[in-house]
PDB file of N, CA and C in Angstrom:
ATOM      1  N   MET A   1     -33.835  31.902  73.049  1.00  0.00           N
ATOM      2  CA  MET A   1     -34.462  30.689  72.570  1.00  0.00           C
ATOM      3  C   MET A   1     -35.825  30.537  73.217  1.00  0.00           C
ATOM      4  N   ALA A   2     -36.813  30.188  72.425  1.00  0.00           N
ATOM      5  CA  ALA A   2     -38.175  30.031  72.935  1.00  0.00           C
ATOM      6  C   ALA A   2     -38.268  28.809  73.836  1.00  0.00           C
ATOM      7  N   SER A   3     -39.109  28.913  74.847  1.00  0.00           N
ATOM      8  CA  SER A   3     -39.296  27.799  75.770  1.00  0.00           C
ATOM      9  C   SER A   3     -40.076  26.682  75.108  1.00  0.00           C
ATOM     10  N   LEU A   4     -39.834  25.478  75.579  1.00  0.00           N
ATOM     11  CA  LEU A   4     -40.561  24.307  75.112  1.00  0.00           C
ATOM     12  C   LEU A   4     -41.947  24.340  75.731  1.00  0.00           C
ATOM     13  N   THR A   5     -42.957  24.121  74.950  1.00  0.00           N
ATOM     14  CA  THR A   5     -44.323  24.160  75.471  1.00  0.00           C
ATOM     15  C   THR A   5     -44.845  22.750  75.729  1.00  0.00           C
ATOM     16  N   ARG A   6     -45.916  22.673  76.459  1.00  0.00           N
ATOM     17  CA  ARG A   6     -46.569  21.396  76.731  1.00  0.00           C
ATOM     18  C   ARG A   6     -47.000  20.743  75.421  1.00  0.00           C
ATOM     19  N   ALA A   7     -47.482  21.548  74.492  1.00  0.00           N
ATOM     20  CA  ALA A   7     -47.909  21.021  73.188  1.00  0.00           C
ATOM     21  C   ALA A   7     -46.717  20.423  72.440  1.00  0.00           C
ATOM     22  N   ASP A   8     -45.544  21.044  72.561  1.00  0.00           N
ATOM     23  CA  ASP A   8     -44.335  20.495  71.933  1.00  0.00           C
ATOM     24  C   ASP A   8     -44.012  19.111  72.486  1.00  0.00           C
ATOM     25  N   VAL A   9     -44.061  18.983  73.808  1.00  0.00           N
ATOM     26  CA  VAL A   9     -43.764  17.710  74.456  1.00  0.00           C
ATOM     27  C   VAL A   9     -44.790  16.653  74.043  1.00  0.00           C
ATOM     28  N   GLU A  10     -46.041  17.018  74.025  1.00  0.00           N
ATOM     29  CA  GLU A  10     -47.086  16.070  73.617  1.00  0.00           C
ATOM     30  C   GLU A  10     -46.901  15.641  72.164  1.00  0.00           C
ATOM     31  N   HIS A  11     -46.501  16.574  71.311  1.00  0.00           N
ATOM     32  CA  HIS A  11     -46.272  16.262  69.899  1.00  0.00           C
ATOM     33  C   HIS A  11     -45.102  15.290  69.739  1.00  0.00           C
ATOM     34  N   VAL A  12     -43.996  15.566  70.431  1.00  0.00           N
ATOM     35  CA  VAL A  12     -42.831  14.682  70.348  1.00  0.00           C
ATOM     36  C   VAL A  12     -43.172  13.310  70.933  1.00  0.00           C
ATOM     37  N   ALA A  13     -43.900  13.276  72.032  1.00  0.00           N
ATOM     38  CA  ALA A  13     -44.308  12.002  72.633  1.00  0.00           C
ATOM     39  C   ALA A  13     -45.182  11.212  71.659  1.00  0.00           C
ATOM     40  N   HIS A  14     -46.057  11.904  70.955  1.00  0.00           N
ATOM     41  CA  HIS A  14     -46.907  11.238  69.959  1.00  0.00           C
ATOM     42  C   HIS A  14     -46.063  10.669  68.822  1.00  0.00           C
ATOM     43  N   LEU A  15     -45.106  11.454  68.326  1.00  0.00           N
ATOM     44  CA  LEU A  15     -44.243  10.984  67.240  1.00  0.00           C
ATOM     45  C   LEU A  15     -43.416   9.769  67.667  1.00  0.00           C
ATOM     46  N   ALA A  16     -42.983   9.752  68.935  1.00  0.00           N
ATOM     47  CA  ALA A  16     -42.176   8.646  69.453  1.00  0.00           C
ATOM     48  C   ALA A  16     -43.050   7.499  69.958  1.00  0.00           C
ATOM     49  N   ARG A  17     -44.342   7.657  69.826  1.00  0.00           N
ATOM     50  CA  ARG A  17     -45.304   6.648  70.275  1.00  0.00           C
ATOM     51  C   ARG A  17     -45.147   6.341  71.765  1.00  0.00           C
ATOM     52  N   LEU A  18     -44.979   7.421  72.562  1.00  0.00           N
ATOM     53  CA  LEU A  18     -44.868   7.293  74.003  1.00  0.00           C
ATOM     54  C   LEU A  18     -46.200   7.653  74.634  1.00  0.00           C
ATOM     55  N   GLY A  19     -46.678   6.806  75.478  1.00  0.00           N
ATOM     56  CA  GLY A  19     -47.915   7.103  76.193  1.00  0.00           C
ATOM     57  C   GLY A  19     -47.583   7.738  77.529  1.00  0.00           C
ATOM     58  N   LEU A  20     -47.464   9.051  77.545  1.00  0.00           N
ATOM     59  CA  LEU A  20     -47.097   9.755  78.778  1.00  0.00           C
ATOM     60  C   LEU A  20     -48.336  10.207  79.525  1.00  0.00           C
ATOM     61  N   SER A  21     -48.288  10.070  80.842  1.00  0.00           N
ATOM     62  CA  SER A  21     -49.371  10.592  81.670  1.00  0.00           C
ATOM     63  C   SER A  21     -49.237  12.114  81.738  1.00  0.00           C
ATOM     64  N   ALA A  22     -50.255  12.777  82.292  1.00  0.00           N
ATOM     65  CA  ALA A  22     -50.217  14.239  82.419  1.00  0.00           C
ATOM     66  C   ALA A  22     -49.050  14.675  83.295  1.00  0.00           C
ATOM     67  N   ASP A  23     -48.785  13.908  84.371  1.00  0.00           N
ATOM     68  CA  ASP A  23     -47.655  14.240  85.250  1.00  0.00           C
ATOM     69  C   ASP A  23     -46.327  14.074  84.518  1.00  0.00           C
ATOM     70  N   GLU A  24     -46.214  13.027  83.706  1.00  0.00           N
ATOM     71  CA  GLU A  24     -44.978  12.804  82.955  1.00  0.00           C
ATOM     72  C   GLU A  24     -44.752  13.893  81.914  1.00  0.00           C
ATOM     73  N   VAL A  25     -45.818  14.342  81.267  1.00  0.00           N
ATOM     74  CA  VAL A  25     -45.694  15.432  80.295  1.00  0.00           C
ATOM     75  C   VAL A  25     -45.197  16.694  80.988  1.00  0.00           C
ATOM     76  N   THR A  26     -45.736  16.986  82.166  1.00  0.00           N
ATOM     77  CA  THR A  26     -45.311  18.163  82.921  1.00  0.00           C
ATOM     78  C   THR A  26     -43.833  18.062  83.296  1.00  0.00           C
ATOM     79  N   ARG A  27     -43.413  16.891  83.794  1.00  0.00           N
ATOM     80  CA  ARG A  27     -42.016  16.693  84.159  1.00  0.00           C
ATOM     81  C   ARG A  27     -41.110  16.785  82.937  1.00  0.00           C
ATOM     82  N   MET A  28     -41.522  16.168  81.832  1.00  0.00           N
ATOM     83  CA  MET A  28     -40.718  16.205  80.605  1.00  0.00           C
ATOM     84  C   MET A  28     -40.608  17.628  80.059  1.00  0.00           C
ATOM     85  N   GLU A  29     -41.671  18.397  80.178  1.00  0.00           N
ATOM     86  CA  GLU A  29     -41.641  19.785  79.707  1.00  0.00           C
ATOM     87  C   GLU A  29     -40.538  20.556  80.434  1.00  0.00           C
ATOM     88  N   THR A  30     -40.459  20.375  81.737  1.00  0.00           N
ATOM     89  CA  THR A  30     -39.439  21.055  82.537  1.00  0.00           C
ATOM     90  C   THR A  30     -38.042  20.526  82.212  1.00  0.00           C
ATOM     91  N   ASP A  31     -37.906  19.188  82.201  1.00  0.00           N
ATOM     92  CA  ASP A  31     -36.583  18.578  81.972  1.00  0.00           C
ATOM     93  C   ASP A  31     -36.055  18.884  80.579  1.00  0.00           C
ATOM     94  N   LEU A  32     -36.885  18.725  79.558  1.00  0.00           N
ATOM     95  CA  LEU A  32     -36.433  18.963  78.186  1.00  0.00           C
ATOM     96  C   LEU A  32     -36.125  20.443  77.945  1.00  0.00           C
ATOM     97  N   ASP A  33     -36.900  21.310  78.551  1.00  0.00           N
ATOM     98  CA  ASP A  33     -36.630  22.742  78.400  1.00  0.00           C
ATOM     99  C   ASP A  33     -35.270  23.090  79.009  1.00  0.00           C
ATOM    100  N   LEU A  34     -34.940  22.482  80.150  1.00  0.00           N
ATOM    101  CA  LEU A  34     -33.634  22.701  80.778  1.00  0.00           C
ATOM    102  C   LEU A  34     -32.503  22.174  79.888  1.00  0.00           C
ATOM    103  N   ILE A  35     -32.692  20.997  79.305  1.00  0.00           N
ATOM    104  CA  ILE A  35     -31.680  20.421  78.419  1.00  0.00           C
ATOM    105  C   ILE A  35     -31.455  21.316  77.205  1.00  0.00           C
ATOM    106  N   LEU A  36     -32.525  21.794  76.596  1.00  0.00           N
ATOM    107  CA  LEU A  36     -32.395  22.669  75.432  1.00  0.00           C
ATOM    108  C   LEU A  36     -31.728  23.990  75.796  1.00  0.00           C
ATOM    109  N   THR A  37     -31.981  24.484  77.001  1.00  0.00           N
ATOM    110  CA  THR A  37     -31.328  25.708  77.465  1.00  0.00           C
ATOM    111  C   THR A  37     -29.823  25.495  77.594  1.00  0.00           C
ATOM    112  N   MET A  38     -29.427  24.324  78.084  1.00  0.00           N
ATOM    113  CA  MET A  38     -28.001  24.017  78.207  1.00  0.00           C
ATOM    114  C   MET A  38     -27.339  23.934  76.831  1.00  0.00           C
ATOM    115  N   PHE A  39     -28.030  23.377  75.854  1.00  0.00           N
ATOM    116  CA  PHE A  39     -27.475  23.316  74.505  1.00  0.00           C
ATOM    117  C   PHE A  39     -27.401  24.702  73.870  1.00  0.00           C
ATOM    118  N   ALA A  40     -28.288  25.588  74.239  1.00  0.00           N
ATOM    119  CA  ALA A  40     -28.245  26.953  73.722  1.00  0.00           C
ATOM    120  C   ALA A  40     -26.966  27.649  74.174  1.00  0.00           C
ATOM    121  N   VAL A  41     -26.481  27.313  75.362  1.00  0.00           N
ATOM    122  CA  VAL A  41     -25.219  27.875  75.850  1.00  0.00           C
ATOM    123  C   VAL A  41     -24.078  27.449  74.930  1.00  0.00           C
ATOM    124  N   LEU A  42     -24.086  26.192  74.492  1.00  0.00           N
ATOM    125  CA  LEU A  42     -23.048  25.706  73.583  1.00  0.00           C
ATOM    126  C   LEU A  42     -23.088  26.447  72.250  1.00  0.00           C
ATOM    127  N   ASP A  43     -24.265  26.851  71.846  1.00  0.00           N
ATOM    128  CA  ASP A  43     -24.425  27.566  70.578  1.00  0.00           C
ATOM    129  C   ASP A  43     -23.727  28.922  70.603  1.00  0.00           C
ATOM    130  N   GLU A  44     -23.463  29.443  71.792  1.00  0.00           N
ATOM    131  CA  GLU A  44     -22.800  30.738  71.925  1.00  0.00           C
ATOM    132  C   GLU A  44     -21.283  30.642  71.757  1.00  0.00           C
ATOM    133  N   LEU A  45     -20.730  29.441  71.771  1.00  0.00           N
ATOM    134  CA  LEU A  45     -19.281  29.276  71.651  1.00  0.00           C
ATOM    135  C   LEU A  45     -18.797  29.652  70.259  1.00  0.00           C
ATOM    136  N   ASP A  46     -17.607  30.273  70.207  1.00  0.00           N
ATOM    137  CA  ASP A  46     -16.996  30.632  68.930  1.00  0.00           C
ATOM    138  C   ASP A  46     -16.248  29.405  68.402  1.00  0.00           C
ATOM    139  N   THR A  47     -16.757  28.814  67.335  1.00  0.00           N
ATOM    140  CA  THR A  47     -16.142  27.607  66.770  1.00  0.00           C
ATOM    141  C   THR A  47     -15.573  27.863  65.380  1.00  0.00           C
ATOM    142  N   ASP A  48     -15.357  29.126  65.037  1.00  0.00           N
ATOM    143  CA  ASP A  48     -14.853  29.444  63.698  1.00  0.00           C
ATOM    144  C   ASP A  48     -13.477  28.841  63.431  1.00  0.00           C
ATOM    145  N   GLY A  49     -12.622  28.766  64.432  1.00  0.00           N
ATOM    146  CA  GLY A  49     -11.272  28.258  64.233  1.00  0.00           C
ATOM    147  C   GLY A  49     -11.150  26.751  64.415  1.00  0.00           C
ATOM    148  N   ILE A  50     -12.257  26.080  64.597  1.00  0.00           N
ATOM    149  CA  ILE A  50     -12.216  24.639  64.833  1.00  0.00           C
ATOM    150  C   ILE A  50     -12.710  23.913  63.588  1.00  0.00           C
ATOM    151  N   ALA A  51     -11.869  23.031  63.071  1.00  0.00           N
ATOM    152  CA  ALA A  51     -12.244  22.277  61.871  1.00  0.00           C
ATOM    153  C   ALA A  51     -13.340  21.271  62.212  1.00  0.00           C
ATOM    154  N   PRO A  52     -14.306  21.115  61.310  1.00  0.00           N
ATOM    155  CA  PRO A  52     -15.360  20.118  61.558  1.00  0.00           C
ATOM    156  C   PRO A  52     -14.764  18.711  61.562  1.00  0.00           C
ATOM    157  N   THR A  53     -15.326  17.858  62.388  1.00  0.00           N
ATOM    158  CA  THR A  53     -14.831  16.490  62.469  1.00  0.00           C
ATOM    159  C   THR A  53     -15.990  15.539  62.729  1.00  0.00           C
ATOM    160  N   ALA A  54     -15.856  14.347  62.210  1.00  0.00           N
ATOM    161  CA  ALA A  54     -16.871  13.331  62.460  1.00  0.00           C
ATOM    162  C   ALA A  54     -16.394  12.377  63.544  1.00  0.00           C
ATOM    163  N   GLN A  55     -15.105  12.415  63.846  1.00  0.00           N
ATOM    164  CA  GLN A  55     -14.527  11.514  64.835  1.00  0.00           C
ATOM    165  C   GLN A  55     -13.593  12.310  65.738  1.00  0.00           C
ATOM    166  N   THR A  56     -13.790  12.224  67.031  1.00  0.00           N
ATOM    167  CA  THR A  56     -12.974  13.012  67.949  1.00  0.00           C
ATOM    168  C   THR A  56     -11.750  12.265  68.441  1.00  0.00           C
ATOM    169  N   ILE A  57     -11.724  10.954  68.266  1.00  0.00           N
ATOM    170  CA  ILE A  57     -10.551  10.180  68.661  1.00  0.00           C
ATOM    171  C   ILE A  57     -10.076   9.371  67.464  1.00  0.00           C
ATOM    172  N   GLU A  58      -8.811   9.010  67.468  1.00  0.00           N
ATOM    173  CA  GLU A  58      -8.278   8.207  66.373  1.00  0.00           C
ATOM    174  C   GLU A  58      -8.950   6.834  66.366  1.00  0.00           C
ATOM    175  N   VAL A  59      -9.299   6.386  65.181  1.00  0.00           N
ATOM    176  CA  VAL A  59      -9.930   5.083  65.042  1.00  0.00           C
ATOM    177  C   VAL A  59      -8.926   4.143  64.399  1.00  0.00           C
ATOM    178  N   GLU A  60      -8.752   3.001  65.017  1.00  0.00           N
ATOM    179  CA  GLU A  60      -7.807   2.020  64.502  1.00  0.00           C
ATOM    180  C   GLU A  60      -8.566   0.740  64.195  1.00  0.00           C
ATOM    181  N   SER A  61      -8.399   0.229  62.996  1.00  0.00           N
ATOM    182  CA  SER A  61      -9.067  -1.005  62.618  1.00  0.00           C
ATOM    183  C   SER A  61      -8.404  -2.182  63.322  1.00  0.00           C
ATOM    184  N   ILE A  62      -9.218  -3.032  63.948  1.00  0.00           N
ATOM    185  CA  ILE A  62      -8.688  -4.205  64.618  1.00  0.00           C
ATOM    186  C   ILE A  62      -8.813  -5.441  63.733  1.00  0.00           C
ATOM    187  N   LEU A  63      -9.313  -5.255  62.526  1.00  0.00           N
ATOM    188  CA  LEU A  63      -9.499  -6.377  61.618  1.00  0.00           C
ATOM    189  C   LEU A  63      -8.244  -6.618  60.795  1.00  0.00           C
ATOM    190  N   ARG A  64      -8.034  -7.852  60.432  1.00  0.00           N
ATOM    191  CA  ARG A  64      -6.887  -8.181  59.592  1.00  0.00           C
ATOM    192  C   ARG A  64      -7.160  -7.690  58.174  1.00  0.00           C
ATOM    193  N   ALA A  65      -6.110  -7.595  57.394  1.00  0.00           N
ATOM    194  CA  ALA A  65      -6.262  -7.204  55.992  1.00  0.00           C
ATOM    195  C   ALA A  65      -7.020  -8.308  55.248  1.00  0.00           C
ATOM    196  N   ASP A  66      -7.896  -7.902  54.370  1.00  0.00           N
ATOM    197  CA  ASP A  66      -8.678  -8.850  53.588  1.00  0.00           C
ATOM    198  C   ASP A  66      -7.908  -9.172  52.311  1.00  0.00           C
ATOM    199  N   LEU A  67      -7.108 -10.230  52.382  1.00  0.00           N
ATOM    200  CA  LEU A  67      -6.256 -10.597  51.264  1.00  0.00           C
ATOM    201  C   LEU A  67      -6.702 -11.926  50.675  1.00  0.00           C
ATOM    202  N   PRO A  68      -6.628 -12.073  49.355  1.00  0.00           N
ATOM    203  CA  PRO A  68      -7.007 -13.358  48.754  1.00  0.00           C
ATOM    204  C   PRO A  68      -5.992 -14.432  49.132  1.00  0.00           C
ATOM    205  N   ARG A  69      -6.482 -15.638  49.336  1.00  0.00           N
ATOM    206  CA  ARG A  69      -5.600 -16.760  49.645  1.00  0.00           C
ATOM    207  C   ARG A  69      -6.251 -18.044  49.163  1.00  0.00           C
ATOM    208  N   PRO A  70      -5.510 -19.118  49.060  1.00  0.00           N
ATOM    209  CA  PRO A  70      -6.075 -20.376  48.566  1.00  0.00           C
ATOM    210  C   PRO A  70      -7.269 -20.820  49.408  1.00  0.00           C
ATOM    211  N   SER A  71      -8.237 -21.422  48.749  1.00  0.00           N
ATOM    212  CA  SER A  71      -9.451 -21.856  49.413  1.00  0.00           C
ATOM    213  C   SER A  71      -9.759 -23.289  49.002  1.00  0.00           C
ATOM    214  N   LEU A  72     -10.895 -23.788  49.437  1.00  0.00           N
ATOM    215  CA  LEU A  72     -11.305 -25.133  49.053  1.00  0.00           C
ATOM    216  C   LEU A  72     -11.731 -25.158  47.591  1.00  0.00           C
ATOM    217  N   SER A  73     -11.501 -26.283  46.956  1.00  0.00           N
ATOM    218  CA  SER A  73     -12.038 -26.454  45.598  1.00  0.00           C
ATOM    219  C   SER A  73     -13.535 -26.723  45.728  1.00  0.00           C
ATOM    220  N   GLN A  74     -14.252 -26.624  44.635  1.00  0.00           N
ATOM    221  CA  GLN A  74     -15.690 -26.872  44.661  1.00  0.00           C
ATOM    222  C   GLN A  74     -15.975 -28.293  45.132  1.00  0.00           C
ATOM    223  N   GLU A  75     -15.190 -29.244  44.685  1.00  0.00           N
ATOM    224  CA  GLU A  75     -15.393 -30.632  45.081  1.00  0.00           C
ATOM    225  C   GLU A  75     -15.176 -30.814  46.586  1.00  0.00           C
ATOM    226  N   GLU A  76     -14.133 -30.179  47.128  1.00  0.00           N
ATOM    227  CA  GLU A  76     -13.863 -30.277  48.565  1.00  0.00           C
ATOM    228  C   GLU A  76     -14.982 -29.624  49.379  1.00  0.00           C
ATOM    229  N   ALA A  77     -15.475 -28.487  48.901  1.00  0.00           N
ATOM    230  CA  ALA A  77     -16.535 -27.783  49.622  1.00  0.00           C
ATOM    231  C   ALA A  77     -17.842 -28.585  49.621  1.00  0.00           C
ATOM    232  N   LEU A  78     -18.101 -29.330  48.569  1.00  0.00           N
ATOM    233  CA  LEU A  78     -19.346 -30.097  48.456  1.00  0.00           C
ATOM    234  C   LEU A  78     -19.207 -31.522  48.981  1.00  0.00           C
ATOM    235  N   ALA A  79     -18.017 -31.934  49.381  1.00  0.00           N
ATOM    236  CA  ALA A  79     -17.769 -33.322  49.764  1.00  0.00           C
ATOM    237  C   ALA A  79     -18.681 -33.810  50.887  1.00  0.00           C
ATOM    238  N   ASN A  80     -18.980 -32.998  51.874  1.00  0.00           N
ATOM    239  CA  ASN A  80     -19.802 -33.437  53.013  1.00  0.00           C
ATOM    240  C   ASN A  80     -21.235 -32.926  52.948  1.00  0.00           C
ATOM    241  N   ALA A  81     -21.623 -32.321  51.835  1.00  0.00           N
ATOM    242  CA  ALA A  81     -22.994 -31.827  51.711  1.00  0.00           C
ATOM    243  C   ALA A  81     -23.948 -33.020  51.621  1.00  0.00           C
ATOM    244  N   PRO A  82     -25.020 -33.028  52.420  1.00  0.00           N
ATOM    245  CA  PRO A  82     -25.946 -34.157  52.372  1.00  0.00           C
ATOM    246  C   PRO A  82     -26.621 -34.295  51.005  1.00  0.00           C
ATOM    247  N   GLU A  83     -26.810 -33.164  50.323  1.00  0.00           N
ATOM    248  CA  GLU A  83     -27.425 -33.204  48.996  1.00  0.00           C
ATOM    249  C   GLU A  83     -26.840 -32.063  48.175  1.00  0.00           C
ATOM    250  N   GLN A  84     -26.564 -32.350  46.900  1.00  0.00           N
ATOM    251  CA  GLN A  84     -26.010 -31.330  46.012  1.00  0.00           C
ATOM    252  C   GLN A  84     -26.585 -31.499  44.617  1.00  0.00           C
ATOM    253  N   SER A  85     -26.583 -30.395  43.877  1.00  0.00           N
ATOM    254  CA  SER A  85     -27.088 -30.433  42.518  1.00  0.00           C
ATOM    255  C   SER A  85     -26.423 -29.320  41.726  1.00  0.00           C
ATOM    256  N   GLY A  86     -25.837 -29.656  40.593  1.00  0.00           N
ATOM    257  CA  GLY A  86     -25.246 -28.657  39.709  1.00  0.00           C
ATOM    258  C   GLY A  86     -24.130 -27.860  40.342  1.00  0.00           C
ATOM    259  N   GLY A  87     -23.404 -28.444  41.276  1.00  0.00           N
ATOM    260  CA  GLY A  87     -22.304 -27.745  41.911  1.00  0.00           C
ATOM    261  C   GLY A  87     -22.720 -26.879  43.085  1.00  0.00           C
ATOM    262  N   TYR A  88     -23.941 -27.031  43.566  1.00  0.00           N
ATOM    263  CA  TYR A  88     -24.443 -26.255  44.692  1.00  0.00           C
ATOM    264  C   TYR A  88     -24.963 -27.182  45.778  1.00  0.00           C
ATOM    265  N   VAL A  89     -24.982 -26.704  47.033  1.00  0.00           N
ATOM    266  CA  VAL A  89     -25.584 -27.435  48.136  1.00  0.00           C
ATOM    267  C   VAL A  89     -27.087 -27.234  48.054  1.00  0.00           C
ATOM    268  N   VAL A  90     -27.839 -28.321  48.167  1.00  0.00           N
ATOM    269  CA  VAL A  90     -29.300 -28.247  48.148  1.00  0.00           C
ATOM    270  C   VAL A  90     -29.780 -28.236  49.593  1.00  0.00           C
ATOM    271  N   VAL A  91     -30.632 -27.250  49.907  1.00  0.00           N
ATOM    272  CA  VAL A  91     -31.204 -27.137  51.258  1.00  0.00           C
ATOM    273  C   VAL A  91     -32.712 -27.090  51.141  1.00  0.00           C
ATOM    274  N   PRO A  92     -33.424 -27.453  52.215  1.00  0.00           N
ATOM    275  CA  PRO A  92     -34.877 -27.404  52.158  1.00  0.00           C
ATOM    276  C   PRO A  92     -35.383 -25.983  51.990  1.00  0.00           C
ATOM    277  N   ALA A  93     -36.458 -25.820  51.242  1.00  0.00           N
ATOM    278  CA  ALA A  93     -37.065 -24.502  51.055  1.00  0.00           C
ATOM    279  C   ALA A  93     -37.696 -24.062  52.369  1.00  0.00           C
ATOM    280  N   ILE A  94     -37.561 -22.787  52.724  1.00  0.00           N
ATOM    281  CA  ILE A  94     -38.172 -22.283  53.951  1.00  0.00           C
ATOM    282  C   ILE A  94     -39.315 -21.311  53.656  1.00  0.00           C
ATOM    283  N   LEU A  95     -39.431 -20.865  52.417  1.00  0.00           N
ATOM    284  CA  LEU A  95     -40.492 -19.941  52.011  1.00  0.00           C
ATOM    285  C   LEU A  95     -41.216 -20.510  50.812  1.00  0.00           C
ATOM    286  N   GLY A  96     -42.512 -20.336  50.771  1.00  0.00           N
ATOM    287  CA  GLY A  96     -43.274 -20.740  49.598  1.00  0.00           C
ATOM    288  C   GLY A  96     -43.314 -22.243  49.441  1.00  0.00           C
ATOM    289  N   ASP A  97     -43.546 -22.654  48.209  1.00  0.00           N
ATOM    290  CA  ASP A  97     -43.680 -24.090  47.932  1.00  0.00           C
ATOM    291  C   ASP A  97     -42.379 -24.712  47.442  1.00  0.00           C
ATOM    292  N   GLY A  98     -41.289 -23.969  47.466  1.00  0.00           N
ATOM    293  CA  GLY A  98     -40.007 -24.506  47.065  1.00  0.00           C
ATOM    294  C   GLY A  98     -39.757 -24.460  45.579  1.00  0.00           C
ATOM    295  N   ALA A  99     -40.697 -23.909  44.816  1.00  0.00           N
ATOM    296  CA  ALA A  99     -40.540 -23.853  43.363  1.00  0.00           C
ATOM    297  C   ALA A  99     -39.859 -22.584  42.939  1.00  0.00           C
TER     298      ALA A  99
END
């Protein structure tokens, strides 16, 4: 695997909008190159017998089932609305002139 160059680090820093000093670029060049070298070791592993997965642990939903059930009637829902029109709650406009 090719080594990470200073120009590579500067390019990535530019894309990420990071203002790195010259010392930080030098340190990042060394650190990122080491990280990429470690990932290259993983690339050498034989994974042919391993099925691809998006989740490594079982996921259990903690939410209740979404089942229909009786609700308020329109009249009950609008009973405490300070202002209503045509079966809807009227609220002040927050954008534009309200038209």
